[in-house]
Amino acid sequence: MSPTLLSSATLPRRRTFRRLSLRRQQPDLKRTFRVPGSPVVPILSALGALALILKGLPLQTMAAYLIWLVLGLVVYFGYSRRRSKVS
């Protein structure tokens, strides 16, 4: 499975969870689009995307994804910790 396909499979899930968190963090923010049946529909879509990822991807692809994810997080947090202006 190509990295592009893996990325396109995880993107909708990340966006769904981000929208749910924004609803709690900034409830008064103007929304240009409202999902019918919220929060049930976004949660079900995120679970469906996760099921497709777990059922449809070979184990080797998932292992490579997790390794790159961990390496990316180490670089991200290592860099931001040294360069952060926030005390």
Foldseek 3Di string as FASTA:
>chain_A
DDPVVVCVLCVLLVVLVVVVVCCVVPVPDDDPDDDPPPPVVSVVVNVVSVVCCVVPDDPVVVVVVVVVVVVVVCVVVVVCVVPPPDD
